[in-house]
């Protein structure tokens, strides 16, 4: 008796469930229920037939099918070529043009990368918006083995020197233009007849623009000026400033009313290392 009762319950529940499914409009009025599954009308798709195939081929905000660059087949865009087999439109809605990326030497991405919907994805060994730069740095290595002699940054295998240095590897020290004084910044800081604290304050002020742009992407320098003027090899972003006697601490109140704290080693201006505390402090 137990086996028969169990079988009857299962049969009744199965029949009730199938009856409920048949009587419930679960196919969005665009299909019929067969064996527990929606069989959609020709122009619709999805588990419950709620997706119009043509609408599924339209990019949100654009009423054209496949962005006008392809055909819609069963709700999926088949993208057209641009007249040859090498360059096609791509993307879910054929919205990407493989020739819309930056050109270098008359070729998309310089032939050194692939175009991904307007952005060059450079092959290994190359970088840049148009993949025009090599990542090789052999031309930037100075005689002492350092990149740009520690006085610049290597871009496209060429040194971009900070102010005061020049030459292929930034090894040549140059005279800085001083409109207000014939002495260099280093000499002014060292020889002005001020108190020790005044000297320290001037060095801090000279370092502050680079500290702000490198450490917090703020301040008076834009990105290009920051890259050219600030020596990334000597500016270090740290969680905690070094605790040493030759490390002098500077503080600057930024425009957001928070305090930027950094320190520099007690060396000549162009040789000192600068440490930037990664978190600002509240006033």
C-alpha atoms as a PDB file:
ATOM      1  CA  UNK A   1       0.000   0.000   0.000  1.00  0.00           C
ATOM      2  CA  UNK A   2       2.838   2.396   0.790  1.00  0.00           C
ATOM      3  CA  UNK A   3       4.361   2.010  -2.708  1.00  0.00           C
ATOM      4  CA  UNK A   4       0.986   2.613  -4.425  1.00  0.00           C
ATOM      5  CA  UNK A   5       0.196   5.717  -2.365  1.00  0.00           C
ATOM      6  CA  UNK A   6       3.649   7.180  -3.136  1.00  0.00           C
ATOM      7  CA  UNK A   7       3.173   6.593  -6.888  1.00  0.00           C
ATOM      8  CA  UNK A   8      -0.302   8.188  -6.879  1.00  0.00           C
ATOM      9  CA  UNK A   9       0.984  11.327  -5.101  1.00  0.00           C
ATOM     10  CA  UNK A  10       3.789  11.743  -7.644  1.00  0.00           C
ATOM     11  CA  UNK A  11       1.419  11.282 -10.544  1.00  0.00           C
ATOM     12  CA  UNK A  12      -1.071  13.811  -9.195  1.00  0.00           C
ATOM     13  CA  UNK A  13       1.611  16.420  -8.496  1.00  0.00           C
ATOM     14  CA  UNK A  14       3.155  15.904 -11.932  1.00  0.00           C
ATOM     15  CA  UNK A  15      -0.201  16.323 -13.638  1.00  0.00           C
ATOM     16  CA  UNK A  16      -1.043  19.429 -11.595  1.00  0.00           C
ATOM     17  CA  UNK A  17       2.314  21.020 -12.382  1.00  0.00           C
ATOM     18  CA  UNK A  18       1.941  20.331 -16.116  1.00  0.00           C
ATOM     19  CA  UNK A  19      -1.612  21.691 -16.090  1.00  0.00           C
ATOM     20  CA  UNK A  20      -0.460  24.883 -14.307  1.00  0.00           C
ATOM     21  CA  UNK A  21       2.318  25.421 -16.852  1.00  0.00           C
ATOM     22  CA  UNK A  22      -0.053  24.989 -19.777  1.00  0.00           C
ATOM     23  CA  UNK A  23      -2.543  27.451 -18.381  1.00  0.00           C
ATOM     24  CA  UNK A  24       0.057  30.124 -17.370  1.00  0.00           C
ATOM     25  CA  UNK A  25       1.077  32.722 -20.053  1.00  0.00           C
ATOM     26  CA  UNK A  26       4.789  32.157 -19.472  1.00  0.00           C
ATOM     27  CA  UNK A  27       5.756  32.555 -23.139  1.00  0.00           C
ATOM     28  CA  UNK A  28       5.039  36.313 -23.236  1.00  0.00           C
ATOM     29  CA  UNK A  29       2.260  35.772 -25.785  1.00  0.00           C
ATOM     30  CA  UNK A  30       4.962  35.112 -28.390  1.00  0.00           C
ATOM     31  CA  UNK A  31       5.097  31.321 -28.213  1.00  0.00           C
ATOM     32  CA  UNK A  32       3.437  28.132 -27.052  1.00  0.00           C
ATOM     33  CA  UNK A  33       4.195  25.735 -24.228  1.00  0.00           C
ATOM     34  CA  UNK A  34       5.216  22.278 -25.353  1.00  0.00           C
ATOM     35  CA  UNK A  35       6.510  19.615 -22.967  1.00  0.00           C
ATOM     36  CA  UNK A  36       7.288  22.220 -20.327  1.00  0.00           C
ATOM     37  CA  UNK A  37       9.274  24.522 -22.640  1.00  0.00           C
ATOM     38  CA  UNK A  38       8.409  27.628 -24.662  1.00  0.00           C
ATOM     39  CA  UNK A  39       8.509  27.229 -28.422  1.00  0.00           C
ATOM     40  CA  UNK A  40       8.854  30.826 -29.649  1.00  0.00           C
ATOM     41  CA  UNK A  41       7.292  32.465 -32.663  1.00  0.00           C
ATOM     42  CA  UNK A  42       9.643  33.161 -35.586  1.00  0.00           C
ATOM     43  CA  UNK A  43      10.620  36.705 -34.575  1.00  0.00           C
ATOM     44  CA  UNK A  44      11.168  36.014 -30.863  1.00  0.00           C
ATOM     45  CA  UNK A  45      13.690  34.211 -28.698  1.00  0.00           C
ATOM     46  CA  UNK A  46      14.620  33.564 -25.075  1.00  0.00           C
ATOM     47  CA  UNK A  47      13.504  31.188 -22.347  1.00  0.00           C
ATOM     48  CA  UNK A  48      10.101  32.891 -22.170  1.00  0.00           C
ATOM     49  CA  UNK A  49      10.066  34.319 -25.743  1.00  0.00           C
ATOM     50  CA  UNK A  50      10.377  37.857 -24.401  1.00  0.00           C
ATOM     51  CA  UNK A  51      13.244  38.974 -26.675  1.00  0.00           C
ATOM     52  CA  UNK A  52      12.566  40.343 -30.119  1.00  0.00           C
ATOM     53  CA  UNK A  53      15.326  39.068 -32.427  1.00  0.00           C
ATOM     54  CA  UNK A  54      15.618  42.341 -34.339  1.00  0.00           C
ATOM     55  CA  UNK A  55      15.713  44.434 -31.153  1.00  0.00           C
ATOM     56  CA  UNK A  56      18.464  42.161 -29.842  1.00  0.00           C
ATOM     57  CA  UNK A  57      20.600  43.297 -32.798  1.00  0.00           C
ATOM     58  CA  UNK A  58      20.232  46.997 -31.984  1.00  0.00           C
ATOM     59  CA  UNK A  59      22.741  48.790 -29.793  1.00  0.00           C
ATOM     60  CA  UNK A  60      21.008  50.620 -26.903  1.00  0.00           C
ATOM     61  CA  UNK A  61      20.279  54.146 -28.045  1.00  0.00           C
ATOM     62  CA  UNK A  62      20.727  53.263 -31.730  1.00  0.00           C
ATOM     63  CA  UNK A  63      17.723  52.218 -33.802  1.00  0.00           C
ATOM     64  CA  UNK A  64      19.801  50.835 -36.684  1.00  0.00           C
ATOM     65  CA  UNK A  65      20.157  47.071 -36.977  1.00  0.00           C
ATOM     66  CA  UNK A  66      23.754  45.960 -36.316  1.00  0.00           C
ATOM     67  CA  UNK A  67      24.818  49.635 -36.494  1.00  0.00           C
ATOM     68  CA  UNK A  68      24.187  49.493 -40.233  1.00  0.00           C
ATOM     69  CA  UNK A  69      27.277  47.302 -40.667  1.00  0.00           C
ATOM     70  CA  UNK A  70      25.840  43.801 -40.600  1.00  0.00           C
ATOM     71  CA  UNK A  71      22.863  41.470 -40.729  1.00  0.00           C
ATOM     72  CA  UNK A  72      20.707  40.147 -37.921  1.00  0.00           C
ATOM     73  CA  UNK A  73      20.338  36.375 -37.893  1.00  0.00           C
ATOM     74  CA  UNK A  74      18.356  34.796 -35.068  1.00  0.00           C
ATOM     75  CA  UNK A  75      19.100  37.740 -32.790  1.00  0.00           C
ATOM     76  CA  UNK A  76      22.846  37.799 -33.491  1.00  0.00           C
ATOM     77  CA  UNK A  77      24.711  40.311 -35.658  1.00  0.00           C
ATOM     78  CA  UNK A  78      26.810  38.994 -38.516  1.00  0.00           C
ATOM     79  CA  UNK A  79      29.212  41.839 -39.313  1.00  0.00           C
ATOM     80  CA  UNK A  80      30.203  42.933 -42.784  1.00  0.00           C
ATOM     81  CA  UNK A  81      33.720  43.424 -44.088  1.00  0.00           C
ATOM     82  CA  UNK A  82      35.059  46.750 -45.327  1.00  0.00           C
ATOM     83  CA  UNK A  83      35.595  45.400 -48.828  1.00  0.00           C
ATOM     84  CA  UNK A  84      38.442  43.029 -48.042  1.00  0.00           C
ATOM     85  CA  UNK A  85      38.846  39.958 -45.886  1.00  0.00           C
ATOM     86  CA  UNK A  86      41.422  41.527 -43.556  1.00  0.00           C
ATOM     87  CA  UNK A  87      39.360  44.356 -42.098  1.00  0.00           C
ATOM     88  CA  UNK A  88      35.860  43.766 -40.771  1.00  0.00           C
ATOM     89  CA  UNK A  89      33.432  45.500 -38.509  1.00  0.00           C
ATOM     90  CA  UNK A  90      33.240  43.826 -35.116  1.00  0.00           C
ATOM     91  CA  UNK A  91      31.529  43.977 -31.763  1.00  0.00           C
ATOM     92  CA  UNK A  92      28.223  42.623 -30.550  1.00  0.00           C
ATOM     93  CA  UNK A  93      26.396  45.202 -32.658  1.00  0.00           C
ATOM     94  CA  UNK A  94      29.076  45.585 -35.381  1.00  0.00           C
ATOM     95  CA  UNK A  95      29.776  48.985 -33.840  1.00  0.00           C
ATOM     96  CA  UNK A  96      33.563  48.636 -33.966  1.00  0.00           C
ATOM     97  CA  UNK A  97      35.591  49.604 -36.997  1.00  0.00           C
ATOM     98  CA  UNK A  98      38.949  47.860 -37.163  1.00  0.00           C
ATOM     99  CA  UNK A  99      40.385  50.927 -38.906  1.00  0.00           C
ATOM    100  CA  UNK A 100      39.162  53.431 -36.320  1.00  0.00           C
ATOM    101  CA  UNK A 101      42.314  53.112 -34.203  1.00  0.00           C
ATOM    102  CA  UNK A 102      45.239  55.562 -34.386  1.00  0.00           C
ATOM    103  CA  UNK A 103      47.600  55.171 -37.329  1.00  0.00           C
ATOM    104  CA  UNK A 104      51.383  55.082 -37.284  1.00  0.00           C
ATOM    105  CA  UNK A 105      53.455  54.927 -40.467  1.00  0.00           C
ATOM    106  CA  UNK A 106      50.263  54.606 -42.526  1.00  0.00           C
ATOM    107  CA  UNK A 107      49.121  51.478 -40.730  1.00  0.00           C
ATOM    108  CA  UNK A 108      46.514  50.842 -38.052  1.00  0.00           C
ATOM    109  CA  UNK A 109      48.314  50.646 -34.711  1.00  0.00           C
ATOM    110  CA  UNK A 110      51.537  50.828 -36.716  1.00  0.00           C
ATOM    111  CA  UNK A 111      51.150  47.175 -37.596  1.00  0.00           C
ATOM    112  CA  UNK A 112      52.377  46.520 -34.056  1.00  0.00           C
ATOM    113  CA  UNK A 113      49.043  45.742 -32.464  1.00  0.00           C
ATOM    114  CA  UNK A 114      45.407  44.939 -33.103  1.00  0.00           C
ATOM    115  CA  UNK A 115      42.533  47.392 -33.109  1.00  0.00           C
ATOM    116  CA  UNK A 116      39.958  46.676 -30.432  1.00  0.00           C
ATOM    117  CA  UNK A 117      36.967  48.947 -30.973  1.00  0.00           C
ATOM    118  CA  UNK A 118      39.029  52.135 -31.324  1.00  0.00           C
ATOM    119  CA  UNK A 119      41.813  51.149 -28.909  1.00  0.00           C
ATOM    120  CA  UNK A 120      45.152  49.675 -29.961  1.00  0.00           C
ATOM    121  CA  UNK A 121      46.116  46.505 -28.095  1.00  0.00           C
ATOM    122  CA  UNK A 122      49.854  46.488 -28.684  1.00  0.00           C
ATOM    123  CA  UNK A 123      51.850  43.354 -29.280  1.00  0.00           C
ATOM    124  CA  UNK A 124      54.594  42.449 -26.831  1.00  0.00           C
ATOM    125  CA  UNK A 125      57.513  44.825 -27.094  1.00  0.00           C
ATOM    126  CA  UNK A 126      55.457  47.880 -28.070  1.00  0.00           C
ATOM    127  CA  UNK A 127      53.406  50.495 -26.262  1.00  0.00           C
ATOM    128  CA  UNK A 128      51.648  53.840 -26.809  1.00  0.00           C
ATOM    129  CA  UNK A 129      48.238  54.877 -28.131  1.00  0.00           C
ATOM    130  CA  UNK A 130      49.319  53.873 -31.642  1.00  0.00           C
ATOM    131  CA  UNK A 131      51.866  51.213 -30.582  1.00  0.00           C
ATOM    132  CA  UNK A 132      54.609  53.432 -32.014  1.00  0.00           C
ATOM    133  CA  UNK A 133      56.901  53.127 -28.991  1.00  0.00           C
ATOM    134  CA  UNK A 134      59.218  50.244 -28.272  1.00  0.00           C
ATOM    135  CA  UNK A 135      59.578  49.005 -24.718  1.00  0.00           C
ATOM    136  CA  UNK A 136      63.305  48.425 -25.284  1.00  0.00           C
ATOM    137  CA  UNK A 137      65.446  50.761 -23.144  1.00  0.00           C
ATOM    138  CA  UNK A 138      69.004  50.040 -24.309  1.00  0.00           C
ATOM    139  CA  UNK A 139      69.504  53.569 -25.701  1.00  0.00           C
ATOM    140  CA  UNK A 140      68.544  55.022 -22.315  1.00  0.00           C
ATOM    141  CA  UNK A 141      71.154  53.205 -20.254  1.00  0.00           C
ATOM    142  CA  UNK A 142      73.919  55.512 -19.006  1.00  0.00           C
ATOM    143  CA  UNK A 143      77.527  54.518 -18.386  1.00  0.00           C
ATOM    144  CA  UNK A 144      76.731  53.851 -14.730  1.00  0.00           C
ATOM    145  CA  UNK A 145      74.016  51.371 -15.738  1.00  0.00           C
ATOM    146  CA  UNK A 146      71.101  53.531 -14.636  1.00  0.00           C
ATOM    147  CA  UNK A 147      68.189  54.475 -16.869  1.00  0.00           C
ATOM    148  CA  UNK A 148      68.776  58.065 -18.032  1.00  0.00           C
ATOM    149  CA  UNK A 149      71.444  58.355 -15.343  1.00  0.00           C
ATOM    150  CA  UNK A 150      68.652  58.791 -12.789  1.00  0.00           C
ATOM    151  CA  UNK A 151      67.919  62.227 -14.279  1.00  0.00           C
ATOM    152  CA  UNK A 152      64.990  61.481 -16.577  1.00  0.00           C
ATOM    153  CA  UNK A 153      62.500  58.991 -17.918  1.00  0.00           C
ATOM    154  CA  UNK A 154      62.894  56.639 -20.871  1.00  0.00           C
ATOM    155  CA  UNK A 155      60.214  56.999 -23.545  1.00  0.00           C
ATOM    156  CA  UNK A 156      60.295  55.112 -26.819  1.00  0.00           C
ATOM    157  CA  UNK A 157      63.925  54.237 -26.061  1.00  0.00           C
ATOM    158  CA  UNK A 158      64.853  57.928 -25.726  1.00  0.00           C
ATOM    159  CA  UNK A 159      65.590  59.827 -22.527  1.00  0.00           C
ATOM    160  CA  UNK A 160      63.342  62.719 -21.530  1.00  0.00           C
ATOM    161  CA  UNK A 161      65.557  64.609 -19.107  1.00  0.00           C
ATOM    162  CA  UNK A 162      64.454  66.661 -16.140  1.00  0.00           C
ATOM    163  CA  UNK A 163      65.360  70.324 -16.125  1.00  0.00           C
ATOM    164  CA  UNK A 164      69.043  70.843 -15.556  1.00  0.00           C
ATOM    165  CA  UNK A 165      70.237  67.769 -17.453  1.00  0.00           C
ATOM    166  CA  UNK A 166      70.692  66.846 -21.108  1.00  0.00           C
ATOM    167  CA  UNK A 167      72.432  64.492 -23.488  1.00  0.00           C
ATOM    168  CA  UNK A 168      71.319  61.106 -24.848  1.00  0.00           C
ATOM    169  CA  UNK A 169      71.282  59.603 -21.351  1.00  0.00           C
ATOM    170  CA  UNK A 170      70.733  62.791 -19.287  1.00  0.00           C
ATOM    171  CA  UNK A 171      74.324  62.619 -18.077  1.00  0.00           C
ATOM    172  CA  UNK A 172      75.220  66.203 -19.014  1.00  0.00           C
ATOM    173  CA  UNK A 173      74.451  68.791 -16.360  1.00  0.00           C
ATOM    174  CA  UNK A 174      73.215  72.067 -17.792  1.00  0.00           C
ATOM    175  CA  UNK A 175      72.936  75.565 -16.381  1.00  0.00           C
ATOM    176  CA  UNK A 176      69.420  76.341 -15.249  1.00  0.00           C
ATOM    177  CA  UNK A 177      67.970  79.673 -16.319  1.00  0.00           C
ATOM    178  CA  UNK A 178      67.539  81.838 -13.260  1.00  0.00           C
ATOM    179  CA  UNK A 179      65.715  85.069 -14.156  1.00  0.00           C
ATOM    180  CA  UNK A 180      65.879  86.376 -10.617  1.00  0.00           C
ATOM    181  CA  UNK A 181      69.355  85.182  -9.759  1.00  0.00           C
ATOM    182  CA  UNK A 182      72.513  84.053 -11.489  1.00  0.00           C
ATOM    183  CA  UNK A 183      72.911  81.203  -8.994  1.00  0.00           C
ATOM    184  CA  UNK A 184      71.439  77.740  -9.468  1.00  0.00           C
ATOM    185  CA  UNK A 185      68.597  76.520  -7.271  1.00  0.00           C
ATOM    186  CA  UNK A 186      71.023  74.278  -5.456  1.00  0.00           C
ATOM    187  CA  UNK A 187      73.413  77.155  -4.727  1.00  0.00           C
ATOM    188  CA  UNK A 188      70.587  79.447  -3.628  1.00  0.00           C
ATOM    189  CA  UNK A 189      69.298  76.879  -1.153  1.00  0.00           C
ATOM    190  CA  UNK A 190      72.793  76.285   0.188  1.00  0.00           C
ATOM    191  CA  UNK A 191      74.191  79.803   0.369  1.00  0.00           C
ATOM    192  CA  UNK A 192      71.329  82.175   1.142  1.00  0.00           C
ATOM    193  CA  UNK A 193      71.828  83.840   4.522  1.00  0.00           C
ATOM    194  CA  UNK A 194      68.696  82.466   6.125  1.00  0.00           C
ATOM    195  CA  UNK A 195      68.018  80.237   9.066  1.00  0.00           C
ATOM    196  CA  UNK A 196      68.123  76.471   8.661  1.00  0.00           C
ATOM    197  CA  UNK A 197      64.304  76.338   8.749  1.00  0.00           C
ATOM    198  CA  UNK A 198      64.030  78.928   5.965  1.00  0.00           C
ATOM    199  CA  UNK A 199      66.393  76.888   3.779  1.00  0.00           C
ATOM    200  CA  UNK A 200      64.346  73.764   4.429  1.00  0.00           C
ATOM    201  CA  UNK A 201      61.119  75.606   3.603  1.00  0.00           C
ATOM    202  CA  UNK A 202      62.485  76.730   0.229  1.00  0.00           C
ATOM    203  CA  UNK A 203      63.516  73.191  -0.703  1.00  0.00           C
ATOM    204  CA  UNK A 204      60.062  71.949   0.312  1.00  0.00           C
ATOM    205  CA  UNK A 205      58.421  74.603  -1.847  1.00  0.00           C
ATOM    206  CA  UNK A 206      60.574  73.649  -4.827  1.00  0.00           C
ATOM    207  CA  UNK A 207      59.642  69.981  -4.458  1.00  0.00           C
ATOM    208  CA  UNK A 208      55.923  70.458  -3.778  1.00  0.00           C
ATOM    209  CA  UNK A 209      54.656  70.730  -7.429  1.00  0.00           C
ATOM    210  CA  UNK A 210      56.257  67.400  -8.353  1.00  0.00           C
ATOM    211  CA  UNK A 211      55.110  65.768  -5.112  1.00  0.00           C
ATOM    212  CA  UNK A 212      51.510  66.769  -5.819  1.00  0.00           C
ATOM    213  CA  UNK A 213      51.411  65.659  -9.451  1.00  0.00           C
ATOM    214  CA  UNK A 214      53.269  62.369  -8.915  1.00  0.00           C
ATOM    215  CA  UNK A 215      51.705  61.401  -5.609  1.00  0.00           C
ATOM    216  CA  UNK A 216      48.162  62.710  -5.990  1.00  0.00           C
ATOM    217  CA  UNK A 217      47.688  63.821  -9.634  1.00  0.00           C
ATOM    218  CA  UNK A 218      46.965  67.346  -8.480  1.00  0.00           C
ATOM    219  CA  UNK A 219      48.671  70.723  -8.342  1.00  0.00           C
ATOM    220  CA  UNK A 220      49.800  73.180 -10.994  1.00  0.00           C
ATOM    221  CA  UNK A 221      51.519  70.733 -13.343  1.00  0.00           C
ATOM    222  CA  UNK A 222      49.558  68.879 -16.007  1.00  0.00           C
ATOM    223  CA  UNK A 223      50.485  65.305 -16.949  1.00  0.00           C
ATOM    224  CA  UNK A 224      52.916  66.322 -19.690  1.00  0.00           C
ATOM    225  CA  UNK A 225      54.716  68.812 -17.459  1.00  0.00           C
ATOM    226  CA  UNK A 226      54.794  66.283 -14.640  1.00  0.00           C
ATOM    227  CA  UNK A 227      56.387  63.636 -16.861  1.00  0.00           C
ATOM    228  CA  UNK A 228      58.978  66.055 -18.216  1.00  0.00           C
ATOM    229  CA  UNK A 229      59.871  67.993 -15.054  1.00  0.00           C
ATOM    230  CA  UNK A 230      59.636  65.397 -12.310  1.00  0.00           C
ATOM    231  CA  UNK A 231      62.208  62.648 -11.936  1.00  0.00           C
ATOM    232  CA  UNK A 232      60.192  59.496 -11.339  1.00  0.00           C
ATOM    233  CA  UNK A 233      63.331  57.595 -10.372  1.00  0.00           C
ATOM    234  CA  UNK A 234      63.818  59.748  -7.274  1.00  0.00           C
ATOM    235  CA  UNK A 235      60.213  60.213  -6.193  1.00  0.00           C
ATOM    236  CA  UNK A 236      58.961  57.307  -4.090  1.00  0.00           C
ATOM    237  CA  UNK A 237      55.396  56.828  -2.831  1.00  0.00           C
ATOM    238  CA  UNK A 238      55.531  55.075   0.547  1.00  0.00           C
ATOM    239  CA  UNK A 239      53.145  54.121   3.335  1.00  0.00           C
ATOM    240  CA  UNK A 240      55.506  55.486   5.991  1.00  0.00           C
ATOM    241  CA  UNK A 241      58.342  57.983   5.643  1.00  0.00           C
ATOM    242  CA  UNK A 242      61.873  56.671   6.314  1.00  0.00           C
ATOM    243  CA  UNK A 243      63.033  57.213   9.880  1.00  0.00           C
ATOM    244  CA  UNK A 244      66.584  58.498   9.462  1.00  0.00           C
ATOM    245  CA  UNK A 245      68.533  61.545  10.562  1.00  0.00           C
ATOM    246  CA  UNK A 246      69.321  62.695   7.027  1.00  0.00           C
ATOM    247  CA  UNK A 247      65.618  62.693   6.035  1.00  0.00           C
ATOM    248  CA  UNK A 248      63.983  66.123   6.270  1.00  0.00           C
ATOM    249  CA  UNK A 249      60.202  66.278   6.501  1.00  0.00           C
ATOM    250  CA  UNK A 250      58.017  68.735   4.571  1.00  0.00           C
ATOM    251  CA  UNK A 251      54.308  69.437   4.881  1.00  0.00           C
ATOM    252  CA  UNK A 252      51.974  71.154   2.438  1.00  0.00           C
ATOM    253  CA  UNK A 253      48.279  72.019   2.849  1.00  0.00           C
ATOM    254  CA  UNK A 254      46.542  71.070  -0.398  1.00  0.00           C
ATOM    255  CA  UNK A 255      43.455  72.658  -1.943  1.00  0.00           C
ATOM    256  CA  UNK A 256      41.236  70.043  -0.278  1.00  0.00           C
ATOM    257  CA  UNK A 257      42.423  71.336   3.132  1.00  0.00           C
ATOM    258  CA  UNK A 258      44.336  68.122   3.777  1.00  0.00           C
ATOM    259  CA  UNK A 259      48.033  67.927   4.591  1.00  0.00           C
ATOM    260  CA  UNK A 260      50.482  66.285   2.188  1.00  0.00           C
ATOM    261  CA  UNK A 261      53.551  64.967   4.004  1.00  0.00           C
ATOM    262  CA  UNK A 262      56.820  64.132   2.267  1.00  0.00           C
ATOM    263  CA  UNK A 263      60.518  64.080   3.022  1.00  0.00           C
ATOM    264  CA  UNK A 264      63.820  64.405   1.202  1.00  0.00           C
ATOM    265  CA  UNK A 265      67.353  63.234   1.858  1.00  0.00           C
ATOM    266  CA  UNK A 266      70.011  65.753   2.864  1.00  0.00           C
ATOM    267  CA  UNK A 267      71.823  65.880  -0.472  1.00  0.00           C
ATOM    268  CA  UNK A 268      72.221  68.291  -3.377  1.00  0.00           C
ATOM    269  CA  UNK A 269      68.913  69.258  -4.925  1.00  0.00           C
ATOM    270  CA  UNK A 270      69.245  67.112  -8.055  1.00  0.00           C
ATOM    271  CA  UNK A 271      70.617  64.091  -6.190  1.00  0.00           C
ATOM    272  CA  UNK A 272      68.174  63.900  -3.283  1.00  0.00           C
ATOM    273  CA  UNK A 273      65.569  61.164  -2.962  1.00  0.00           C
ATOM    274  CA  UNK A 274      62.019  62.233  -2.149  1.00  0.00           C
ATOM    275  CA  UNK A 275      59.526  60.079  -0.227  1.00  0.00           C
ATOM    276  CA  UNK A 276      55.807  60.853  -0.491  1.00  0.00           C
ATOM    277  CA  UNK A 277      53.427  59.556   2.181  1.00  0.00           C
ATOM    278  CA  UNK A 278      50.626  57.847   0.233  1.00  0.00           C
ATOM    279  CA  UNK A 279      47.832  59.123   2.496  1.00  0.00           C
ATOM    280  CA  UNK A 280      47.008  62.746   3.257  1.00  0.00           C
ATOM    281  CA  UNK A 281      46.331  63.848   6.820  1.00  0.00           C
ATOM    282  CA  UNK A 282      43.381  65.859   8.033  1.00  0.00           C
ATOM    283  CA  UNK A 283      44.040  69.297   9.473  1.00  0.00           C
END
